[in-house]
PDB file of N, CA and C in Angstrom:
ATOM      1  N   MET A   1      42.039  -5.047  14.298  1.00  0.00           N
ATOM      2  CA  MET A   1      40.855  -4.003  13.783  1.00  0.00           C
ATOM      3  C   MET A   1      40.250  -3.334  15.053  1.00  0.00           C
ATOM      4  N   ASP A   2      40.056  -2.105  14.918  1.00  0.00           N
ATOM      5  CA  ASP A   2      39.594  -1.207  15.965  1.00  0.00           C
ATOM      6  C   ASP A   2      38.040  -0.971  15.794  1.00  0.00           C
ATOM      7  N   GLU A   3      37.474  -0.140  16.533  1.00  0.00           N
ATOM      8  CA  GLU A   3      35.914   0.229  16.324  1.00  0.00           C
ATOM      9  C   GLU A   3      35.705   0.856  14.949  1.00  0.00           C
ATOM     10  N   ASN A   4      36.845   1.477  14.391  1.00  0.00           N
ATOM     11  CA  ASN A   4      36.570   2.186  13.138  1.00  0.00           C
ATOM     12  C   ASN A   4      36.836   1.130  11.893  1.00  0.00           C
ATOM     13  N   GLY A   5      36.995  -0.104  12.186  1.00  0.00           N
ATOM     14  CA  GLY A   5      37.043  -1.092  11.146  1.00  0.00           C
ATOM     15  C   GLY A   5      38.725  -1.247  10.688  1.00  0.00           C
ATOM     16  N   ASP A   6      38.866  -1.949   9.687  1.00  0.00           N
ATOM     17  CA  ASP A   6      40.003  -2.234   9.087  1.00  0.00           C
ATOM     18  C   ASP A   6      40.643  -0.882   8.345  1.00  0.00           C
ATOM     19  N   GLN A   7      41.741  -0.241   8.936  1.00  0.00           N
ATOM     20  CA  GLN A   7      42.151   0.850   8.404  1.00  0.00           C
ATOM     21  C   GLN A   7      43.255   0.576   7.402  1.00  0.00           C
ATOM     22  N   ARG A   8      43.527  -0.542   6.937  1.00  0.00           N
ATOM     23  CA  ARG A   8      44.600  -0.737   5.941  1.00  0.00           C
ATOM     24  C   ARG A   8      44.092  -0.219   4.529  1.00  0.00           C
ATOM     25  N   ARG A   9      44.991   0.325   3.882  1.00  0.00           N
ATOM     26  CA  ARG A   9      44.531   0.948   2.458  1.00  0.00           C
ATOM     27  C   ARG A   9      45.129   0.083   1.276  1.00  0.00           C
ATOM     28  N   PRO A  10      44.201  -0.791   0.735  1.00  0.00           N
ATOM     29  CA  PRO A  10      44.753  -1.623  -0.311  1.00  0.00           C
ATOM     30  C   PRO A  10      44.858  -0.871  -1.626  1.00  0.00           C
ATOM     31  N   ARG A  11      46.057  -1.264  -2.382  1.00  0.00           N
ATOM     32  CA  ARG A  11      46.205  -0.832  -3.575  1.00  0.00           C
ATOM     33  C   ARG A  11      46.814  -1.639  -4.528  1.00  0.00           C
ATOM     34  N   HIS A  12      46.684  -1.618  -5.904  1.00  0.00           N
ATOM     35  CA  HIS A  12      47.227  -2.501  -6.857  1.00  0.00           C
ATOM     36  C   HIS A  12      48.793  -2.653  -6.744  1.00  0.00           C
ATOM     37  N   HIS A  13      49.173  -3.897  -6.762  1.00  0.00           N
ATOM     38  CA  HIS A  13      50.627  -4.044  -6.704  1.00  0.00           C
ATOM     39  C   HIS A  13      51.248  -3.455  -7.942  1.00  0.00           C
ATOM     40  N   PRO A  14      52.348  -2.786  -7.893  1.00  0.00           N
ATOM     41  CA  PRO A  14      53.003  -2.150  -8.919  1.00  0.00           C
ATOM     42  C   PRO A  14      53.327  -3.021 -10.200  1.00  0.00           C
ATOM     43  N   ARG A  15      53.513  -4.243  -9.996  1.00  0.00           N
ATOM     44  CA  ARG A  15      53.986  -5.145 -11.075  1.00  0.00           C
ATOM     45  C   ARG A  15      52.632  -5.855 -11.794  1.00  0.00           C
ATOM     46  N   THR A  16      51.490  -5.531 -11.243  1.00  0.00           N
ATOM     47  CA  THR A  16      50.208  -6.067 -11.675  1.00  0.00           C
ATOM     48  C   THR A  16      49.586  -5.263 -12.736  1.00  0.00           C
ATOM     49  N   ALA A  17      49.212  -5.870 -13.844  1.00  0.00           N
ATOM     50  CA  ALA A  17      48.510  -5.058 -14.928  1.00  0.00           C
ATOM     51  C   ALA A  17      46.956  -5.538 -14.900  1.00  0.00           C
ATOM     52  N   ALA A  18      46.080  -4.504 -15.044  1.00  0.00           N
ATOM     53  CA  ALA A  18      44.717  -4.711 -15.044  1.00  0.00           C
ATOM     54  C   ALA A  18      43.889  -3.925 -15.873  1.00  0.00           C
ATOM     55  N   ARG A  19      42.679  -4.264 -16.384  1.00  0.00           N
ATOM     56  CA  ARG A  19      41.820  -3.543 -17.132  1.00  0.00           C
ATOM     57  C   ARG A  19      40.422  -4.005 -16.706  1.00  0.00           C
ATOM     58  N   VAL A  20      39.451  -3.056 -16.689  1.00  0.00           N
ATOM     59  CA  VAL A  20      38.077  -3.427 -16.399  1.00  0.00           C
ATOM     60  C   VAL A  20      37.189  -3.317 -17.767  1.00  0.00           C
ATOM     61  N   PHE A  21      36.780  -4.385 -18.287  1.00  0.00           N
ATOM     62  CA  PHE A  21      35.849  -4.507 -19.440  1.00  0.00           C
ATOM     63  C   PHE A  21      34.420  -4.750 -18.945  1.00  0.00           C
ATOM     64  N   SER A  22      33.540  -3.940 -19.323  1.00  0.00           N
ATOM     65  CA  SER A  22      31.998  -4.240 -19.053  1.00  0.00           C
ATOM     66  C   SER A  22      31.804  -4.620 -17.613  1.00  0.00           C
ATOM     67  N   GLY A  23      32.443  -3.972 -16.689  1.00  0.00           N
ATOM     68  CA  GLY A  23      32.296  -4.161 -15.348  1.00  0.00           C
ATOM     69  C   GLY A  23      33.083  -5.306 -14.610  1.00  0.00           C
ATOM     70  N   GLU A  24      33.849  -5.999 -15.545  1.00  0.00           N
ATOM     71  CA  GLU A  24      34.608  -7.161 -14.869  1.00  0.00           C
ATOM     72  C   GLU A  24      36.205  -6.868 -15.063  1.00  0.00           C
ATOM     73  N   ALA A  25      36.838  -6.995 -13.954  1.00  0.00           N
ATOM     74  CA  ALA A  25      38.267  -6.820 -13.979  1.00  0.00           C
ATOM     75  C   ALA A  25      38.949  -7.867 -14.566  1.00  0.00           C
ATOM     76  N   VAL A  26      39.969  -7.697 -15.432  1.00  0.00           N
ATOM     77  CA  VAL A  26      40.861  -8.641 -15.891  1.00  0.00           C
ATOM     78  C   VAL A  26      42.235  -8.296 -15.401  1.00  0.00           C
ATOM     79  N   VAL A  27      42.736  -9.235 -14.573  1.00  0.00           N
ATOM     80  CA  VAL A  27      44.155  -8.888 -13.869  1.00  0.00           C
ATOM     81  C   VAL A  27      45.165  -9.898 -14.180  1.00  0.00           C
ATOM     82  N   ILE A  28      46.297  -9.357 -14.594  1.00  0.00           N
ATOM     83  CA  ILE A  28      47.469 -10.283 -14.973  1.00  0.00           C
ATOM     84  C   ILE A  28      48.401 -10.203 -13.828  1.00  0.00           C
ATOM     85  N   SER A  29      48.906 -11.425 -13.383  1.00  0.00           N
ATOM     86  CA  SER A  29      49.772 -11.485 -12.264  1.00  0.00           C
ATOM     87  C   SER A  29      50.997 -12.057 -12.845  1.00  0.00           C
ATOM     88  N   PRO A  30      52.123 -11.087 -12.873  1.00  0.00           N
ATOM     89  CA  PRO A  30      53.354 -11.594 -13.361  1.00  0.00           C
ATOM     90  C   PRO A  30      54.005 -12.714 -12.687  1.00  0.00           C
ATOM     91  N   ALA A  31      53.752 -12.576 -11.210  1.00  0.00           N
ATOM     92  CA  ALA A  31      54.420 -13.440 -10.420  1.00  0.00           C
ATOM     93  C   ALA A  31      54.030 -14.887 -10.649  1.00  0.00           C
ATOM     94  N   GLU A  32      52.721 -15.058 -10.885  1.00  0.00           N
ATOM     95  CA  GLU A  32      52.152 -16.382 -11.243  1.00  0.00           C
ATOM     96  C   GLU A  32      51.993 -16.654 -12.749  1.00  0.00           C
ATOM     97  N   ASN A  33      52.383 -15.770 -13.587  1.00  0.00           N
ATOM     98  CA  ASN A  33      52.056 -15.649 -15.084  1.00  0.00           C
ATOM     99  C   ASN A  33      50.762 -16.345 -15.284  1.00  0.00           C
ATOM    100  N   MET A  34      49.682 -15.496 -14.745  1.00  0.00           N
ATOM    101  CA  MET A  34      48.231 -15.981 -14.720  1.00  0.00           C
ATOM    102  C   MET A  34      47.395 -14.799 -14.986  1.00  0.00           C
ATOM    103  N   VAL A  35      46.342 -15.129 -15.702  1.00  0.00           N
ATOM    104  CA  VAL A  35      45.317 -13.870 -15.809  1.00  0.00           C
ATOM    105  C   VAL A  35      44.146 -14.451 -14.982  1.00  0.00           C
ATOM    106  N   ARG A  36      43.521 -13.502 -14.269  1.00  0.00           N
ATOM    107  CA  ARG A  36      42.316 -13.670 -13.450  1.00  0.00           C
ATOM    108  C   ARG A  36      41.402 -12.669 -13.799  1.00  0.00           C
ATOM    109  N   MET A  37      40.091 -13.326 -13.891  1.00  0.00           N
ATOM    110  CA  MET A  37      38.764 -12.458 -14.084  1.00  0.00           C
ATOM    111  C   MET A  37      38.162 -12.375 -12.785  1.00  0.00           C
ATOM    112  N   PHE A  38      37.550 -11.190 -12.385  1.00  0.00           N
ATOM    113  CA  PHE A  38      36.731 -11.046 -11.139  1.00  0.00           C
ATOM    114  C   PHE A  38      35.418 -10.924 -11.512  1.00  0.00           C
ATOM    115  N   ASN A  39      34.452 -11.275 -10.678  1.00  0.00           N
ATOM    116  CA  ASN A  39      33.051 -11.133 -10.848  1.00  0.00           C
ATOM    117  C   ASN A  39      32.736  -9.671 -10.588  1.00  0.00           C
ATOM    118  N   PRO A  40      31.367  -9.207 -10.825  1.00  0.00           N
ATOM    119  CA  PRO A  40      31.232  -7.809 -10.607  1.00  0.00           C
ATOM    120  C   PRO A  40      31.573  -7.245  -9.063  1.00  0.00           C
ATOM    121  N   VAL A  41      31.281  -7.901  -8.176  1.00  0.00           N
ATOM    122  CA  VAL A  41      31.709  -7.429  -6.851  1.00  0.00           C
ATOM    123  C   VAL A  41      33.086  -7.310  -6.731  1.00  0.00           C
ATOM    124  N   GLY A  42      33.863  -8.317  -7.130  1.00  0.00           N
ATOM    125  CA  GLY A  42      35.280  -8.430  -6.988  1.00  0.00           C
ATOM    126  C   GLY A  42      35.861  -7.301  -7.744  1.00  0.00           C
ATOM    127  N   SER A  43      35.286  -7.063  -8.989  1.00  0.00           N
ATOM    128  CA  SER A  43      35.651  -6.034  -9.805  1.00  0.00           C
ATOM    129  C   SER A  43      35.493  -4.606  -9.138  1.00  0.00           C
ATOM    130  N   ARG A  44      34.421  -4.604  -8.507  1.00  0.00           N
ATOM    131  CA  ARG A  44      34.266  -3.099  -7.865  1.00  0.00           C
ATOM    132  C   ARG A  44      35.212  -3.093  -6.635  1.00  0.00           C
ATOM    133  N   ILE A  45      35.489  -4.160  -5.901  1.00  0.00           N
ATOM    134  CA  ILE A  45      36.583  -3.915  -4.860  1.00  0.00           C
ATOM    135  C   ILE A  45      37.902  -3.614  -5.538  1.00  0.00           C
ATOM    136  N   TRP A  46      38.157  -4.116  -6.619  1.00  0.00           N
ATOM    137  CA  TRP A  46      39.413  -3.914  -7.304  1.00  0.00           C
ATOM    138  C   TRP A  46      39.471  -2.446  -7.662  1.00  0.00           C
ATOM    139  N   GLU A  47      38.320  -2.005  -8.077  1.00  0.00           N
ATOM    140  CA  GLU A  47      38.410  -0.591  -8.535  1.00  0.00           C
ATOM    141  C   GLU A  47      38.581   0.360  -7.453  1.00  0.00           C
ATOM    142  N   LEU A  48      37.895   0.048  -6.421  1.00  0.00           N
ATOM    143  CA  LEU A  48      38.039   0.969  -5.033  1.00  0.00           C
ATOM    144  C   LEU A  48      39.382   0.769  -4.347  1.00  0.00           C
ATOM    145  N   ALA A  49      40.123  -0.272  -4.754  1.00  0.00           N
ATOM    146  CA  ALA A  49      41.393  -0.649  -3.953  1.00  0.00           C
ATOM    147  C   ALA A  49      42.546   0.382  -4.570  1.00  0.00           C
ATOM    148  N   ASP A  50      42.504   1.547  -4.353  1.00  0.00           N
ATOM    149  CA  ASP A  50      43.284   2.642  -5.106  1.00  0.00           C
ATOM    150  C   ASP A  50      44.397   3.229  -4.121  1.00  0.00           C
ATOM    151  N   GLY A  51      44.524   2.563  -2.824  1.00  0.00           N
ATOM    152  CA  GLY A  51      45.508   3.214  -1.927  1.00  0.00           C
ATOM    153  C   GLY A  51      45.051   4.420  -1.144  1.00  0.00           C
ATOM    154  N   ARG A  52      43.893   5.033  -1.564  1.00  0.00           N
ATOM    155  CA  ARG A  52      43.246   6.108  -0.861  1.00  0.00           C
ATOM    156  C   ARG A  52      42.076   5.703   0.211  1.00  0.00           C
ATOM    157  N   ARG A  53      41.465   4.634  -0.240  1.00  0.00           N
ATOM    158  CA  ARG A  53      40.354   4.137   0.744  1.00  0.00           C
ATOM    159  C   ARG A  53      40.792   3.023   1.494  1.00  0.00           C
ATOM    160  N   THR A  54      40.222   2.951   2.744  1.00  0.00           N
ATOM    161  CA  THR A  54      40.629   1.895   3.591  1.00  0.00           C
ATOM    162  C   THR A  54      39.707   0.688   3.245  1.00  0.00           C
ATOM    163  N   VAL A  55      40.007  -0.555   3.867  1.00  0.00           N
ATOM    164  CA  VAL A  55      39.126  -1.583   3.691  1.00  0.00           C
ATOM    165  C   VAL A  55      37.845  -1.351   4.319  1.00  0.00           C
ATOM    166  N   GLU A  56      37.730  -0.605   5.453  1.00  0.00           N
ATOM    167  CA  GLU A  56      36.386  -0.152   6.014  1.00  0.00           C
ATOM    168  C   GLU A  56      35.708   0.664   4.983  1.00  0.00           C
ATOM    169  N   GLU A  57      36.292   1.636   4.476  1.00  0.00           N
ATOM    170  CA  GLU A  57      35.458   2.540   3.460  1.00  0.00           C
ATOM    171  C   GLU A  57      35.115   1.759   2.163  1.00  0.00           C
ATOM    172  N   ILE A  58      35.827   0.705   1.715  1.00  0.00           N
ATOM    173  CA  ILE A  58      35.414  -0.093   0.746  1.00  0.00           C
ATOM    174  C   ILE A  58      34.134  -0.808   1.080  1.00  0.00           C
ATOM    175  N   ALA A  59      34.234  -1.547   2.275  1.00  0.00           N
ATOM    176  CA  ALA A  59      33.040  -2.322   2.827  1.00  0.00           C
ATOM    177  C   ALA A  59      31.819  -1.332   2.938  1.00  0.00           C
ATOM    178  N   ARG A  60      31.991  -0.176   3.351  1.00  0.00           N
ATOM    179  CA  ARG A  60      30.885   0.821   3.472  1.00  0.00           C
ATOM    180  C   ARG A  60      30.218   1.135   2.159  1.00  0.00           C
ATOM    181  N   ARG A  61      31.272   1.271   1.187  1.00  0.00           N
ATOM    182  CA  ARG A  61      30.728   1.734  -0.118  1.00  0.00           C
ATOM    183  C   ARG A  61      29.894   0.533  -0.820  1.00  0.00           C
ATOM    184  N   LEU A  62      30.353  -0.556  -0.527  1.00  0.00           N
ATOM    185  CA  LEU A  62      29.593  -1.830  -1.081  1.00  0.00           C
ATOM    186  C   LEU A  62      28.195  -1.819  -0.496  1.00  0.00           C
ATOM    187  N   THR A  63      28.059  -1.506   0.912  1.00  0.00           N
ATOM    188  CA  THR A  63      26.689  -1.560   1.338  1.00  0.00           C
ATOM    189  C   THR A  63      25.720  -0.637   0.683  1.00  0.00           C
ATOM    190  N   GLU A  64      26.388   0.581   0.204  1.00  0.00           N
ATOM    191  CA  GLU A  64      25.584   1.590  -0.516  1.00  0.00           C
ATOM    192  C   GLU A  64      25.175   1.141  -1.859  1.00  0.00           C
ATOM    193  N   GLU A  65      25.946   0.311  -2.516  1.00  0.00           N
ATOM    194  CA  GLU A  65      25.829  -0.164  -3.901  1.00  0.00           C
ATOM    195  C   GLU A  65      25.256  -1.372  -4.067  1.00  0.00           C
ATOM    196  N   TYR A  66      25.214  -2.266  -3.161  1.00  0.00           N
ATOM    197  CA  TYR A  66      24.844  -3.684  -3.295  1.00  0.00           C
ATOM    198  C   TYR A  66      23.828  -3.918  -1.982  1.00  0.00           C
ATOM    199  N   ALA A  67      23.011  -4.823  -1.887  1.00  0.00           N
ATOM    200  CA  ALA A  67      22.093  -5.222  -0.869  1.00  0.00           C
ATOM    201  C   ALA A  67      22.878  -6.141   0.116  1.00  0.00           C
ATOM    202  N   VAL A  68      23.713  -5.592   0.777  1.00  0.00           N
ATOM    203  CA  VAL A  68      24.592  -6.341   1.708  1.00  0.00           C
ATOM    204  C   VAL A  68      24.699  -5.755   3.123  1.00  0.00           C
ATOM    205  N   GLU A  69      24.625  -6.444   4.245  1.00  0.00           N
ATOM    206  CA  GLU A  69      24.906  -5.661   5.585  1.00  0.00           C
ATOM    207  C   GLU A  69      26.440  -5.401   5.690  1.00  0.00           C
ATOM    208  N   LEU A  70      26.575  -4.456   6.517  1.00  0.00           N
ATOM    209  CA  LEU A  70      28.098  -4.060   6.821  1.00  0.00           C
ATOM    210  C   LEU A  70      28.889  -5.197   7.354  1.00  0.00           C
ATOM    211  N   ALA A  71      28.309  -5.989   8.348  1.00  0.00           N
ATOM    212  CA  ALA A  71      29.211  -7.032   8.851  1.00  0.00           C
ATOM    213  C   ALA A  71      29.677  -8.018   7.827  1.00  0.00           C
ATOM    214  N   VAL A  72      28.681  -8.310   6.750  1.00  0.00           N
ATOM    215  CA  VAL A  72      28.975  -9.168   5.688  1.00  0.00           C
ATOM    216  C   VAL A  72      30.010  -8.491   4.808  1.00  0.00           C
ATOM    217  N   ALA A  73      29.735  -7.312   4.438  1.00  0.00           N
ATOM    218  CA  ALA A  73      30.690  -6.584   3.536  1.00  0.00           C
ATOM    219  C   ALA A  73      32.066  -6.545   4.249  1.00  0.00           C
ATOM    220  N   ARG A  74      32.192  -6.246   5.511  1.00  0.00           N
ATOM    221  CA  ARG A  74      33.524  -6.087   6.043  1.00  0.00           C
ATOM    222  C   ARG A  74      34.176  -7.501   5.924  1.00  0.00           C
ATOM    223  N   ALA A  75      33.541  -8.530   6.232  1.00  0.00           N
ATOM    224  CA  ALA A  75      34.075  -9.908   6.302  1.00  0.00           C
ATOM    225  C   ALA A  75      34.684 -10.306   4.801  1.00  0.00           C
ATOM    226  N   GLU A  76      33.619 -10.070   3.741  1.00  0.00           N
ATOM    227  CA  GLU A  76      33.939 -10.391   2.383  1.00  0.00           C
ATOM    228  C   GLU A  76      35.117  -9.504   1.855  1.00  0.00           C
ATOM    229  N   VAL A  77      35.123  -8.271   2.271  1.00  0.00           N
ATOM    230  CA  VAL A  77      36.217  -7.415   1.602  1.00  0.00           C
ATOM    231  C   VAL A  77      37.533  -7.916   2.260  1.00  0.00           C
ATOM    232  N   LYS A  78      37.542  -8.018   3.546  1.00  0.00           N
ATOM    233  CA  LYS A  78      38.761  -8.402   4.121  1.00  0.00           C
ATOM    234  C   LYS A  78      39.207  -9.633   3.573  1.00  0.00           C
ATOM    235  N   GLU A  79      38.502 -10.656   3.369  1.00  0.00           N
ATOM    236  CA  GLU A  79      38.877 -12.008   2.812  1.00  0.00           C
ATOM    237  C   GLU A  79      39.371 -11.788   1.486  1.00  0.00           C
ATOM    238  N   PHE A  80      38.699 -11.012   0.593  1.00  0.00           N
ATOM    239  CA  PHE A  80      39.137 -10.819  -0.738  1.00  0.00           C
ATOM    240  C   PHE A  80      40.470 -10.158  -1.013  1.00  0.00           C
ATOM    241  N   VAL A  81      40.552  -8.916  -0.225  1.00  0.00           N
ATOM    242  CA  VAL A  81      41.847  -8.289  -0.302  1.00  0.00           C
ATOM    243  C   VAL A  81      43.040  -9.008   0.382  1.00  0.00           C
ATOM    244  N   ASP A  82      42.801  -9.747   1.314  1.00  0.00           N
ATOM    245  CA  ASP A  82      43.835 -10.646   1.954  1.00  0.00           C
ATOM    246  C   ASP A  82      44.322 -11.736   0.905  1.00  0.00           C
ATOM    247  N   ALA A  83      43.450 -12.358   0.263  1.00  0.00           N
ATOM    248  CA  ALA A  83      43.626 -13.341  -0.788  1.00  0.00           C
ATOM    249  C   ALA A  83      44.456 -12.631  -1.874  1.00  0.00           C
ATOM    250  N   LEU A  84      44.146 -11.435  -2.327  1.00  0.00           N
ATOM    251  CA  LEU A  84      44.664 -10.856  -3.410  1.00  0.00           C
ATOM    252  C   LEU A  84      46.207 -10.514  -2.906  1.00  0.00           C
ATOM    253  N   ALA A  85      46.412  -9.980  -1.758  1.00  0.00           N
ATOM    254  CA  ALA A  85      47.697  -9.569  -1.259  1.00  0.00           C
ATOM    255  C   ALA A  85      48.598 -10.889  -1.087  1.00  0.00           C
ATOM    256  N   ALA A  86      47.911 -11.970  -0.741  1.00  0.00           N
ATOM    257  CA  ALA A  86      48.767 -13.251  -0.641  1.00  0.00           C
ATOM    258  C   ALA A  86      49.402 -13.606  -2.027  1.00  0.00           C
ATOM    259  N   LYS A  87      48.647 -13.208  -3.154  1.00  0.00           N
ATOM    260  CA  LYS A  87      48.995 -13.566  -4.535  1.00  0.00           C
ATOM    261  C   LYS A  87      49.746 -12.474  -5.129  1.00  0.00           C
ATOM    262  N   ASP A  88      50.272 -11.444  -4.265  1.00  0.00           N
ATOM    263  CA  ASP A  88      50.939 -10.230  -4.825  1.00  0.00           C
ATOM    264  C   ASP A  88      50.138  -9.499  -5.843  1.00  0.00           C
ATOM    265  N   LEU A  89      48.864  -9.424  -5.836  1.00  0.00           N
ATOM    266  CA  LEU A  89      47.998  -8.613  -6.677  1.00  0.00           C
ATOM    267  C   LEU A  89      47.735  -7.253  -6.103  1.00  0.00           C
ATOM    268  N   LEU A  90      47.623  -7.205  -4.716  1.00  0.00           N
ATOM    269  CA  LEU A  90      47.348  -6.041  -4.027  1.00  0.00           C
ATOM    270  C   LEU A  90      48.595  -5.943  -2.895  1.00  0.00           C
ATOM    271  N   THR A  91      48.702  -4.745  -2.438  1.00  0.00           N
ATOM    272  CA  THR A  91      49.672  -4.393  -1.339  1.00  0.00           C
ATOM    273  C   THR A  91      48.911  -3.357  -0.461  1.00  0.00           C
ATOM    274  N   PHE A  92      49.445  -3.043   0.713  1.00  0.00           N
ATOM    275  CA  PHE A  92      48.798  -2.110   1.490  1.00  0.00           C
ATOM    276  C   PHE A  92      49.380  -0.959   1.943  1.00  0.00           C
ATOM    277  N   ASP A  93      48.829   0.229   1.932  1.00  0.00           N
ATOM    278  CA  ASP A  93      49.503   1.412   2.610  1.00  0.00           C
ATOM    279  C   ASP A  93      48.729   1.646   3.916  1.00  0.00           C
ATOM    280  N   GLU A  94      49.520   1.499   4.960  1.00  0.00           N
ATOM    281  CA  GLU A  94      48.940   1.539   6.305  1.00  0.00           C
ATOM    282  C   GLU A  94      48.764   2.915   6.746  1.00  0.00           C
TER     283      GLU A  94
END
């Protein structure tokens, strides 16, 4: 990561199906044959992970929408998207 933050661009894995209901994302992982539900912040990250925004841009957006410091948002977003990528729910456009 450079001084501009994490420049990876997370996007939904093409084999993943998802819907957002009442602010909460419901994501189906075909690889695991599992349904996951995200809390409101995780759901917002999911919505913002569209392949156009970088991890840094997502973290900055969260600081505008929630009472969270940038350093905390950076760490939390990175941890969340890396965990989803490890489960083949997200992939990255670099």
